[in-house]
């Protein structure tokens, strides 16, 4: 985290955290890509 930004997959810290960070999340819990019957 000196030169790059840490990523929390599907989440994040419980409180303020430094340095600045990122999370990637998805509209669905079942799949990151389209599937028949995908839920949101």
ModelCIF file with pLDDT and N, C-alpha, C, O atoms, coordinates in Angstrom:
data_MODEL
#
_entry.id   MODEL 
#
_entity.id                         1 
_entity.type                       polymer 
_entity.pdbx_number_of_molecules   1 
#
_entity_poly.entity_id                      1 
_entity_poly.type                           'polypeptide(L)' 
_entity_poly.nstd_linkage                   no 
_entity_poly.nstd_monomer                   no 
_entity_poly.pdbx_seq_one_letter_code       
;(UNK)(UNK)(UNK)(UNK)(UNK)(UNK)(UNK)(UNK)(UNK)(UNK)(UNK)(UNK)(UNK)(UNK)(UNK)(UNK)
(UNK)(UNK)(UNK)(UNK)(UNK)(UNK)(UNK)(UNK)(UNK)(UNK)(UNK)(UNK)(UNK)(UNK)(UNK)(UNK)
(UNK)(UNK)(UNK)(UNK)(UNK)(UNK)(UNK)(UNK)
;
_entity_poly.pdbx_seq_one_letter_code_can   XXXXXXXXXXXXXXXXXXXXXXXXXXXXXXXXXXXXXXXX 
_entity_poly.pdbx_strand_id                 A 
#
loop_
_entity_poly_seq.entity_id 
_entity_poly_seq.num 
_entity_poly_seq.mon_id 
_entity_poly_seq.hetero 
1 1  UNK n 
1 2  UNK n 
1 3  UNK n 
1 4  UNK n 
1 5  UNK n 
1 6  UNK n 
1 7  UNK n 
1 8  UNK n 
1 9  UNK n 
1 10 UNK n 
1 11 UNK n 
1 12 UNK n 
1 13 UNK n 
1 14 UNK n 
1 15 UNK n 
1 16 UNK n 
1 17 UNK n 
1 18 UNK n 
1 19 UNK n 
1 20 UNK n 
1 21 UNK n 
1 22 UNK n 
1 23 UNK n 
1 24 UNK n 
1 25 UNK n 
1 26 UNK n 
1 27 UNK n 
1 28 UNK n 
1 29 UNK n 
1 30 UNK n 
1 31 UNK n 
1 32 UNK n 
1 33 UNK n 
1 34 UNK n 
1 35 UNK n 
1 36 UNK n 
1 37 UNK n 
1 38 UNK n 
1 39 UNK n 
1 40 UNK n 
#
_struct_asym.id          A 
_struct_asym.entity_id   1 
#
loop_
_ma_qa_metric.id 
_ma_qa_metric.mode 
_ma_qa_metric.name 
_ma_qa_metric.software_group_id 
_ma_qa_metric.type 
1 global pLDDT . pLDDT 
2 local  pLDDT . pLDDT 
#
_ma_qa_metric_global.metric_id      1 
_ma_qa_metric_global.metric_value   95.10 
_ma_qa_metric_global.model_id       1 
_ma_qa_metric_global.ordinal_id     1 
#
loop_
_ma_qa_metric_local.label_asym_id 
_ma_qa_metric_local.label_comp_id 
_ma_qa_metric_local.label_seq_id 
_ma_qa_metric_local.metric_id 
_ma_qa_metric_local.metric_value 
_ma_qa_metric_local.model_id 
_ma_qa_metric_local.ordinal_id 
A UNK 1  2 93.00 1 1  
A UNK 2  2 94.00 1 2  
A UNK 3  2 97.00 1 3  
A UNK 4  2 98.00 1 4  
A UNK 5  2 98.00 1 5  
A UNK 6  2 96.00 1 6  
A UNK 7  2 97.00 1 7  
A UNK 8  2 95.00 1 8  
A UNK 9  2 95.00 1 9  
A UNK 10 2 95.00 1 10 
A UNK 11 2 93.00 1 11 
A UNK 12 2 92.00 1 12 
A UNK 13 2 90.00 1 13 
A UNK 14 2 89.00 1 14 
A UNK 15 2 88.00 1 15 
A UNK 16 2 89.00 1 16 
A UNK 17 2 88.00 1 17 
A UNK 18 2 87.00 1 18 
A UNK 19 2 92.00 1 19 
A UNK 20 2 96.00 1 20 
A UNK 21 2 97.00 1 21 
A UNK 22 2 98.00 1 22 
A UNK 23 2 97.00 1 23 
A UNK 24 2 98.00 1 24 
A UNK 25 2 98.00 1 25 
A UNK 26 2 98.00 1 26 
A UNK 27 2 98.00 1 27 
A UNK 28 2 97.00 1 28 
A UNK 29 2 93.00 1 29 
A UNK 30 2 93.00 1 30 
A UNK 31 2 97.00 1 31 
A UNK 32 2 98.00 1 32 
A UNK 33 2 98.00 1 33 
A UNK 34 2 98.00 1 34 
A UNK 35 2 98.00 1 35 
A UNK 36 2 98.00 1 36 
A UNK 37 2 97.00 1 37 
A UNK 38 2 97.00 1 38 
A UNK 39 2 96.00 1 39 
A UNK 40 2 98.00 1 40 
#
loop_
_atom_site.group_PDB 
_atom_site.id 
_atom_site.type_symbol 
_atom_site.label_atom_id 
_atom_site.label_alt_id 
_atom_site.label_comp_id 
_atom_site.label_asym_id 
_atom_site.label_entity_id 
_atom_site.label_seq_id 
_atom_site.pdbx_PDB_ins_code 
_atom_site.Cartn_x 
_atom_site.Cartn_y 
_atom_site.Cartn_z 
_atom_site.occupancy 
_atom_site.B_iso_or_equiv 
_atom_site.pdbx_formal_charge 
_atom_site.auth_seq_id 
_atom_site.auth_comp_id 
_atom_site.auth_asym_id 
_atom_site.auth_atom_id 
_atom_site.pdbx_PDB_model_num 
ATOM 1   N N  . UNK A 1 1  ? 0.801   -1.222  0.000   1.00 93.00 ? 1  UNK A N  1 
ATOM 2   C CA . UNK A 1 1  ? 0.000   0.000   0.000   1.00 93.00 ? 1  UNK A CA 1 
ATOM 3   C C  . UNK A 1 1  ? 0.835   1.274   0.000   1.00 93.00 ? 1  UNK A C  1 
ATOM 4   O O  . UNK A 1 1  ? 0.314   2.360   0.252   1.00 93.00 ? 1  UNK A O  1 
ATOM 5   N N  . UNK A 1 2  ? 2.124   1.144   -0.280  1.00 94.00 ? 2  UNK A N  1 
ATOM 6   C CA . UNK A 1 2  ? 2.922   2.355   -0.445  1.00 94.00 ? 2  UNK A CA 1 
ATOM 7   C C  . UNK A 1 2  ? 2.665   2.993   -1.812  1.00 94.00 ? 2  UNK A C  1 
ATOM 8   O O  . UNK A 1 2  ? 2.513   4.209   -1.922  1.00 94.00 ? 2  UNK A O  1 
ATOM 9   N N  . UNK A 1 3  ? 2.619   2.157   -2.844  1.00 97.00 ? 3  UNK A N  1 
ATOM 10  C CA . UNK A 1 3  ? 2.450   2.683   -4.193  1.00 97.00 ? 3  UNK A CA 1 
ATOM 11  C C  . UNK A 1 3  ? 1.181   2.240   -4.882  1.00 97.00 ? 3  UNK A C  1 
ATOM 12  O O  . UNK A 1 3  ? 0.834   2.766   -5.940  1.00 97.00 ? 3  UNK A O  1 
ATOM 13  N N  . UNK A 1 4  ? 0.461   1.253   -4.282  1.00 98.00 ? 4  UNK A N  1 
ATOM 14  C CA . UNK A 1 4  ? -0.734  0.691   -4.890  1.00 98.00 ? 4  UNK A CA 1 
ATOM 15  C C  . UNK A 1 4  ? -1.897  0.740   -3.901  1.00 98.00 ? 4  UNK A C  1 
ATOM 16  O O  . UNK A 1 4  ? -1.705  1.036   -2.722  1.00 98.00 ? 4  UNK A O  1 
ATOM 17  N N  . UNK A 1 5  ? -3.097  0.449   -4.386  1.00 98.00 ? 5  UNK A N  1 
ATOM 18  C CA . UNK A 1 5  ? -4.311  0.524   -3.572  1.00 98.00 ? 5  UNK A CA 1 
ATOM 19  C C  . UNK A 1 5  ? -4.811  -0.885  -3.279  1.00 98.00 ? 5  UNK A C  1 
ATOM 20  O O  . UNK A 1 5  ? -5.032  -1.678  -4.195  1.00 98.00 ? 5  UNK A O  1 
ATOM 21  N N  . UNK A 1 6  ? -4.988  -1.190  -1.995  1.00 96.00 ? 6  UNK A N  1 
ATOM 22  C CA . UNK A 1 6  ? -5.475  -2.509  -1.596  1.00 96.00 ? 6  UNK A CA 1 
ATOM 23  C C  . UNK A 1 6  ? -6.964  -2.644  -1.890  1.00 96.00 ? 6  UNK A C  1 
ATOM 24  O O  . UNK A 1 6  ? -7.736  -1.704  -1.705  1.00 96.00 ? 6  UNK A O  1 
ATOM 25  N N  . UNK A 1 7  ? -7.353  -3.832  -2.353  1.00 97.00 ? 7  UNK A N  1 
ATOM 26  C CA . UNK A 1 7  ? -8.751  -4.109  -2.689  1.00 97.00 ? 7  UNK A CA 1 
ATOM 27  C C  . UNK A 1 7  ? -9.326  -5.181  -1.773  1.00 97.00 ? 7  UNK A C  1 
ATOM 28  O O  . UNK A 1 7  ? -8.766  -6.269  -1.640  1.00 97.00 ? 7  UNK A O  1 
ATOM 29  N N  . UNK A 1 8  ? -10.463 -4.855  -1.140  1.00 95.00 ? 8  UNK A N  1 
ATOM 30  C CA . UNK A 1 8  ? -11.255 -5.843  -0.417  1.00 95.00 ? 8  UNK A CA 1 
ATOM 31  C C  . UNK A 1 8  ? -12.266 -6.438  -1.395  1.00 95.00 ? 8  UNK A C  1 
ATOM 32  O O  . UNK A 1 8  ? -13.107 -5.712  -1.925  1.00 95.00 ? 8  UNK A O  1 
ATOM 33  N N  . UNK A 1 9  ? -12.198 -7.739  -1.641  1.00 95.00 ? 9  UNK A N  1 
ATOM 34  C CA . UNK A 1 9  ? -13.199 -8.362  -2.489  1.00 95.00 ? 9  UNK A CA 1 
ATOM 35  C C  . UNK A 1 9  ? -14.487 -8.562  -1.708  1.00 95.00 ? 9  UNK A C  1 
ATOM 36  O O  . UNK A 1 9  ? -14.483 -9.174  -0.640  1.00 95.00 ? 9  UNK A O  1 
ATOM 37  N N  . UNK A 1 10 ? -15.599 -8.041  -2.246  1.00 95.00 ? 10 UNK A N  1 
ATOM 38  C CA . UNK A 1 10 ? -16.916 -8.182  -1.611  1.00 95.00 ? 10 UNK A CA 1 
ATOM 39  C C  . UNK A 1 10 ? -16.867 -7.809  -0.127  1.00 95.00 ? 10 UNK A C  1 
ATOM 40  O O  . UNK A 1 10 ? -17.276 -8.606  0.717   1.00 95.00 ? 10 UNK A O  1 
ATOM 41  N N  . UNK A 1 11 ? -16.389 -6.645  0.195   1.00 93.00 ? 11 UNK A N  1 
ATOM 42  C CA . UNK A 1 11 ? -16.355 -6.286  1.605   1.00 93.00 ? 11 UNK A CA 1 
ATOM 43  C C  . UNK A 1 11 ? -15.725 -4.939  1.843   1.00 93.00 ? 11 UNK A C  1 
ATOM 44  O O  . UNK A 1 11 ? -15.807 -4.033  1.014   1.00 93.00 ? 11 UNK A O  1 
ATOM 45  N N  . UNK A 1 12 ? -15.093 -4.825  2.995   1.00 92.00 ? 12 UNK A N  1 
ATOM 46  C CA . UNK A 1 12 ? -14.448 -3.593  3.398   1.00 92.00 ? 12 UNK A CA 1 
ATOM 47  C C  . UNK A 1 12 ? -14.183 -3.632  4.883   1.00 92.00 ? 12 UNK A C  1 
ATOM 48  O O  . UNK A 1 12 ? -14.640 -4.547  5.568   1.00 92.00 ? 12 UNK A O  1 
ATOM 49  N N  . UNK A 1 13 ? -13.449 -2.652  5.399   1.00 90.00 ? 13 UNK A N  1 
ATOM 50  C CA . UNK A 1 13 ? -13.146 -2.635  6.831   1.00 90.00 ? 13 UNK A CA 1 
ATOM 51  C C  . UNK A 1 13 ? -14.374 -2.278  7.656   1.00 90.00 ? 13 UNK A C  1 
ATOM 52  O O  . UNK A 1 13 ? -15.351 -1.732  7.144   1.00 90.00 ? 13 UNK A O  1 
ATOM 53  N N  . UNK A 1 14 ? -14.303 -2.598  8.940   1.00 89.00 ? 14 UNK A N  1 
ATOM 54  C CA . UNK A 1 14 ? -15.404 -2.288  9.845   1.00 89.00 ? 14 UNK A CA 1 
ATOM 55  C C  . UNK A 1 14 ? -15.346 -0.847  10.327  1.00 89.00 ? 14 UNK A C  1 
ATOM 56  O O  . UNK A 1 14 ? -16.324 -0.335  10.871  1.00 89.00 ? 14 UNK A O  1 
ATOM 57  N N  . UNK A 1 15 ? -14.218 -0.194  10.135  1.00 88.00 ? 15 UNK A N  1 
ATOM 58  C CA . UNK A 1 15 ? -14.053 1.189   10.580  1.00 88.00 ? 15 UNK A CA 1 
ATOM 59  C C  . UNK A 1 15 ? -13.211 1.914   9.545   1.00 88.00 ? 15 UNK A C  1 
ATOM 60  O O  . UNK A 1 15 ? -12.787 1.324   8.552   1.00 88.00 ? 15 UNK A O  1 
ATOM 61  N N  . UNK A 1 16 ? -12.973 3.189   9.781   1.00 89.00 ? 16 UNK A N  1 
ATOM 62  C CA . UNK A 1 16 ? -12.133 3.972   8.884   1.00 89.00 ? 16 UNK A CA 1 
ATOM 63  C C  . UNK A 1 16 ? -10.752 3.329   8.798   1.00 89.00 ? 16 UNK A C  1 
ATOM 64  O O  . UNK A 1 16 ? -10.167 2.941   9.809   1.00 89.00 ? 16 UNK A O  1 
ATOM 65  N N  . UNK A 1 17 ? -10.250 3.224   7.580   1.00 88.00 ? 17 UNK A N  1 
ATOM 66  C CA . UNK A 1 17 ? -8.923  2.643   7.382   1.00 88.00 ? 17 UNK A CA 1 
ATOM 67  C C  . UNK A 1 17 ? -8.109  3.510   6.447   1.00 88.00 ? 17 UNK A C  1 
ATOM 68  O O  . UNK A 1 17 ? -8.609  3.988   5.429   1.00 88.00 ? 17 UNK A O  1 
ATOM 69  N N  . UNK A 1 18 ? -6.870  3.706   6.797   1.00 87.00 ? 18 UNK A N  1 
ATOM 70  C CA . UNK A 1 18 ? -5.918  4.383   5.928   1.00 87.00 ? 18 UNK A CA 1 
ATOM 71  C C  . UNK A 1 18 ? -4.773  3.434   5.632   1.00 87.00 ? 18 UNK A C  1 
ATOM 72  O O  . UNK A 1 18 ? -4.480  2.559   6.447   1.00 87.00 ? 18 UNK A O  1 
ATOM 73  N N  . UNK A 1 19 ? -4.105  3.585   4.467   1.00 92.00 ? 19 UNK A N  1 
ATOM 74  C CA . UNK A 1 19 ? -4.385  4.562   3.425   1.00 92.00 ? 19 UNK A CA 1 
ATOM 75  C C  . UNK A 1 19 ? -5.639  4.207   2.632   1.00 92.00 ? 19 UNK A C  1 
ATOM 76  O O  . UNK A 1 19 ? -6.319  3.217   2.902   1.00 92.00 ? 19 UNK A O  1 
ATOM 77  N N  . UNK A 1 20 ? -5.918  5.057   1.642   1.00 96.00 ? 20 UNK A N  1 
ATOM 78  C CA . UNK A 1 20 ? -7.139  4.923   0.859   1.00 96.00 ? 20 UNK A CA 1 
ATOM 79  C C  . UNK A 1 20 ? -7.222  3.542   0.212   1.00 96.00 ? 20 UNK A C  1 
ATOM 80  O O  . UNK A 1 20 ? -6.209  2.994   -0.221  1.00 96.00 ? 20 UNK A O  1 
ATOM 81  N N  . UNK A 1 21 ? -8.433  2.980   0.149   1.00 97.00 ? 21 UNK A N  1 
ATOM 82  C CA . UNK A 1 21 ? -8.602  1.603   -0.292  1.00 97.00 ? 21 UNK A CA 1 
ATOM 83  C C  . UNK A 1 21 ? -9.772  1.495   -1.272  1.00 97.00 ? 21 UNK A C  1 
ATOM 84  O O  . UNK A 1 21 ? -10.460 2.476   -1.557  1.00 97.00 ? 21 UNK A O  1 
ATOM 85  N N  . UNK A 1 22 ? -9.977  0.279   -1.779  1.00 98.00 ? 22 UNK A N  1 
ATOM 86  C CA . UNK A 1 22 ? -11.026 -0.012  -2.763  1.00 98.00 ? 22 UNK A CA 1 
ATOM 87  C C  . UNK A 1 22 ? -11.717 -1.305  -2.385  1.00 98.00 ? 22 UNK A C  1 
ATOM 88  O O  . UNK A 1 22 ? -11.102 -2.193  -1.795  1.00 98.00 ? 22 UNK A O  1 
ATOM 89  N N  . UNK A 1 23 ? -13.000 -1.416  -2.722  1.00 97.00 ? 23 UNK A N  1 
ATOM 90  C CA . UNK A 1 23 ? -13.660 -2.710  -2.695  1.00 97.00 ? 23 UNK A CA 1 
ATOM 91  C C  . UNK A 1 23 ? -14.291 -2.966  -4.055  1.00 97.00 ? 23 UNK A C  1 
ATOM 92  O O  . UNK A 1 23 ? -14.806 -2.050  -4.695  1.00 97.00 ? 23 UNK A O  1 
ATOM 93  N N  . UNK A 1 24 ? -14.246 -4.237  -4.494  1.00 98.00 ? 24 UNK A N  1 
ATOM 94  C CA . UNK A 1 24 ? -15.036 -4.633  -5.657  1.00 98.00 ? 24 UNK A CA 1 
ATOM 95  C C  . UNK A 1 24 ? -16.153 -5.544  -5.167  1.00 98.00 ? 24 UNK A C  1 
ATOM 96  O O  . UNK A 1 24 ? -15.910 -6.513  -4.448  1.00 98.00 ? 24 UNK A O  1 
ATOM 97  N N  . UNK A 1 25 ? -17.361 -5.228  -5.559  1.00 98.00 ? 25 UNK A N  1 
ATOM 98  C CA . UNK A 1 25 ? -18.523 -6.025  -5.183  1.00 98.00 ? 25 UNK A CA 1 
ATOM 99  C C  . UNK A 1 25 ? -19.328 -6.302  -6.441  1.00 98.00 ? 25 UNK A C  1 
ATOM 100 O O  . UNK A 1 25 ? -18.996 -5.816  -7.522  1.00 98.00 ? 25 UNK A O  1 
ATOM 101 N N  . UNK A 1 26 ? -20.388 -7.087  -6.295  1.00 98.00 ? 26 UNK A N  1 
ATOM 102 C CA . UNK A 1 26 ? -21.168 -7.480  -7.463  1.00 98.00 ? 26 UNK A CA 1 
ATOM 103 C C  . UNK A 1 26 ? -22.653 -7.373  -7.169  1.00 98.00 ? 26 UNK A C  1 
ATOM 104 O O  . UNK A 1 26 ? -23.075 -7.401  -6.013  1.00 98.00 ? 26 UNK A O  1 
ATOM 105 N N  . UNK A 1 27 ? -23.439 -7.250  -8.227  1.00 98.00 ? 27 UNK A N  1 
ATOM 106 C CA . UNK A 1 27 ? -24.890 -7.172  -8.077  1.00 98.00 ? 27 UNK A CA 1 
ATOM 107 C C  . UNK A 1 27 ? -25.483 -8.494  -7.622  1.00 98.00 ? 27 UNK A C  1 
ATOM 108 O O  . UNK A 1 27 ? -26.617 -8.533  -7.144  1.00 98.00 ? 27 UNK A O  1 
ATOM 109 N N  . UNK A 1 28 ? -24.728 -9.582  -7.767  1.00 97.00 ? 28 UNK A N  1 
ATOM 110 C CA . UNK A 1 28 ? -25.233 -10.915 -7.444  1.00 97.00 ? 28 UNK A CA 1 
ATOM 111 C C  . UNK A 1 28 ? -24.322 -11.609 -6.451  1.00 97.00 ? 28 UNK A C  1 
ATOM 112 O O  . UNK A 1 28 ? -23.106 -11.420 -6.469  1.00 97.00 ? 28 UNK A O  1 
ATOM 113 N N  . UNK A 1 29 ? -24.921 -12.417 -5.583  1.00 93.00 ? 29 UNK A N  1 
ATOM 114 C CA . UNK A 1 29 ? -24.130 -13.222 -4.656  1.00 93.00 ? 29 UNK A CA 1 
ATOM 115 C C  . UNK A 1 29 ? -23.739 -14.563 -5.260  1.00 93.00 ? 29 UNK A C  1 
ATOM 116 O O  . UNK A 1 29 ? -22.831 -15.225 -4.757  1.00 93.00 ? 29 UNK A O  1 
ATOM 117 N N  . UNK A 1 30 ? -24.411 -14.970 -6.331  1.00 93.00 ? 30 UNK A N  1 
ATOM 118 C CA . UNK A 1 30 ? -24.223 -16.328 -6.852  1.00 93.00 ? 30 UNK A CA 1 
ATOM 119 C C  . UNK A 1 30 ? -23.165 -16.422 -7.935  1.00 93.00 ? 30 UNK A C  1 
ATOM 120 O O  . UNK A 1 30 ? -22.522 -17.462 -8.080  1.00 93.00 ? 30 UNK A O  1 
ATOM 121 N N  . UNK A 1 31 ? -22.974 -15.364 -8.691  1.00 97.00 ? 31 UNK A N  1 
ATOM 122 C CA . UNK A 1 31 ? -22.048 -15.421 -9.814  1.00 97.00 ? 31 UNK A CA 1 
ATOM 123 C C  . UNK A 1 31 ? -21.625 -14.021 -10.195 1.00 97.00 ? 31 UNK A C  1 
ATOM 124 O O  . UNK A 1 31 ? -22.400 -13.072 -10.073 1.00 97.00 ? 31 UNK A O  1 
ATOM 125 N N  . UNK A 1 32 ? -20.383 -13.894 -10.661 1.00 98.00 ? 32 UNK A N  1 
ATOM 126 C CA . UNK A 1 32 ? -19.916 -12.617 -11.193 1.00 98.00 ? 32 UNK A CA 1 
ATOM 127 C C  . UNK A 1 32 ? -20.283 -12.460 -12.665 1.00 98.00 ? 32 UNK A C  1 
ATOM 128 O O  . UNK A 1 32 ? -20.299 -11.339 -13.175 1.00 98.00 ? 32 UNK A O  1 
ATOM 129 N N  . UNK A 1 33 ? -20.577 -13.552 -13.353 1.00 98.00 ? 33 UNK A N  1 
ATOM 130 C CA . UNK A 1 33 ? -21.005 -13.466 -14.750 1.00 98.00 ? 33 UNK A CA 1 
ATOM 131 C C  . UNK A 1 33 ? -22.480 -13.849 -14.845 1.00 98.00 ? 33 UNK A C  1 
ATOM 132 O O  . UNK A 1 33 ? -23.061 -14.366 -13.891 1.00 98.00 ? 33 UNK A O  1 
ATOM 133 N N  . UNK A 1 34 ? -23.066 -13.591 -15.994 1.00 98.00 ? 34 UNK A N  1 
ATOM 134 C CA . UNK A 1 34 ? -24.478 -13.915 -16.187 1.00 98.00 ? 34 UNK A CA 1 
ATOM 135 C C  . UNK A 1 34 ? -24.691 -15.423 -16.180 1.00 98.00 ? 34 UNK A C  1 
ATOM 136 O O  . UNK A 1 34 ? -23.944 -16.180 -16.800 1.00 98.00 ? 34 UNK A O  1 
ATOM 137 N N  . UNK A 1 35 ? -25.734 -15.838 -15.458 1.00 98.00 ? 35 UNK A N  1 
ATOM 138 C CA . UNK A 1 35 ? -26.203 -17.223 -15.492 1.00 98.00 ? 35 UNK A CA 1 
ATOM 139 C C  . UNK A 1 35 ? -27.721 -17.205 -15.547 1.00 98.00 ? 35 UNK A C  1 
ATOM 140 O O  . UNK A 1 35 ? -28.358 -16.257 -15.087 1.00 98.00 ? 35 UNK A O  1 
ATOM 141 N N  . UNK A 1 36 ? -28.281 -18.230 -16.096 1.00 98.00 ? 36 UNK A N  1 
ATOM 142 C CA . UNK A 1 36 ? -29.741 -18.325 -16.126 1.00 98.00 ? 36 UNK A CA 1 
ATOM 143 C C  . UNK A 1 36 ? -30.251 -18.391 -14.686 1.00 98.00 ? 36 UNK A C  1 
ATOM 144 O O  . UNK A 1 36 ? -29.783 -19.204 -13.889 1.00 98.00 ? 36 UNK A O  1 
ATOM 145 N N  . UNK A 1 37 ? -31.211 -17.529 -14.365 1.00 97.00 ? 37 UNK A N  1 
ATOM 146 C CA . UNK A 1 37 ? -31.776 -17.499 -13.025 1.00 97.00 ? 37 UNK A CA 1 
ATOM 147 C C  . UNK A 1 37 ? -30.952 -16.732 -12.014 1.00 97.00 ? 37 UNK A C  1 
ATOM 148 O O  . UNK A 1 37 ? -31.197 -16.850 -10.813 1.00 97.00 ? 37 UNK A O  1 
ATOM 149 N N  . UNK A 1 38 ? -29.984 -15.950 -12.459 1.00 97.00 ? 38 UNK A N  1 
ATOM 150 C CA . UNK A 1 38 ? -29.137 -15.188 -11.547 1.00 97.00 ? 38 UNK A CA 1 
ATOM 151 C C  . UNK A 1 38 ? -29.996 -14.310 -10.630 1.00 97.00 ? 38 UNK A C  1 
ATOM 152 O O  . UNK A 1 38 ? -30.971 -13.707 -11.078 1.00 97.00 ? 38 UNK A O  1 
ATOM 153 N N  . UNK A 1 39 ? -29.632 -14.241 -9.357  1.00 96.00 ? 39 UNK A N  1 
ATOM 154 C CA . UNK A 1 39 ? -30.332 -13.402 -8.392  1.00 96.00 ? 39 UNK A CA 1 
ATOM 155 C C  . UNK A 1 39 ? -29.509 -12.178 -8.049  1.00 96.00 ? 39 UNK A C  1 
ATOM 156 O O  . UNK A 1 39 ? -28.308 -12.133 -8.314  1.00 96.00 ? 39 UNK A O  1 
ATOM 157 N N  . UNK A 1 40 ? -30.158 -11.182 -7.457  1.00 98.00 ? 40 UNK A N  1 
ATOM 158 C CA . UNK A 1 40 ? -29.493 -9.908  -7.195  1.00 98.00 ? 40 UNK A CA 1 
ATOM 159 C C  . UNK A 1 40 ? -29.678 -9.469  -5.748  1.00 98.00 ? 40 UNK A C  1 
ATOM 160 O O  . UNK A 1 40 ? -29.181 -8.413  -5.355  1.00 98.00 ? 40 UNK A O  1 
#
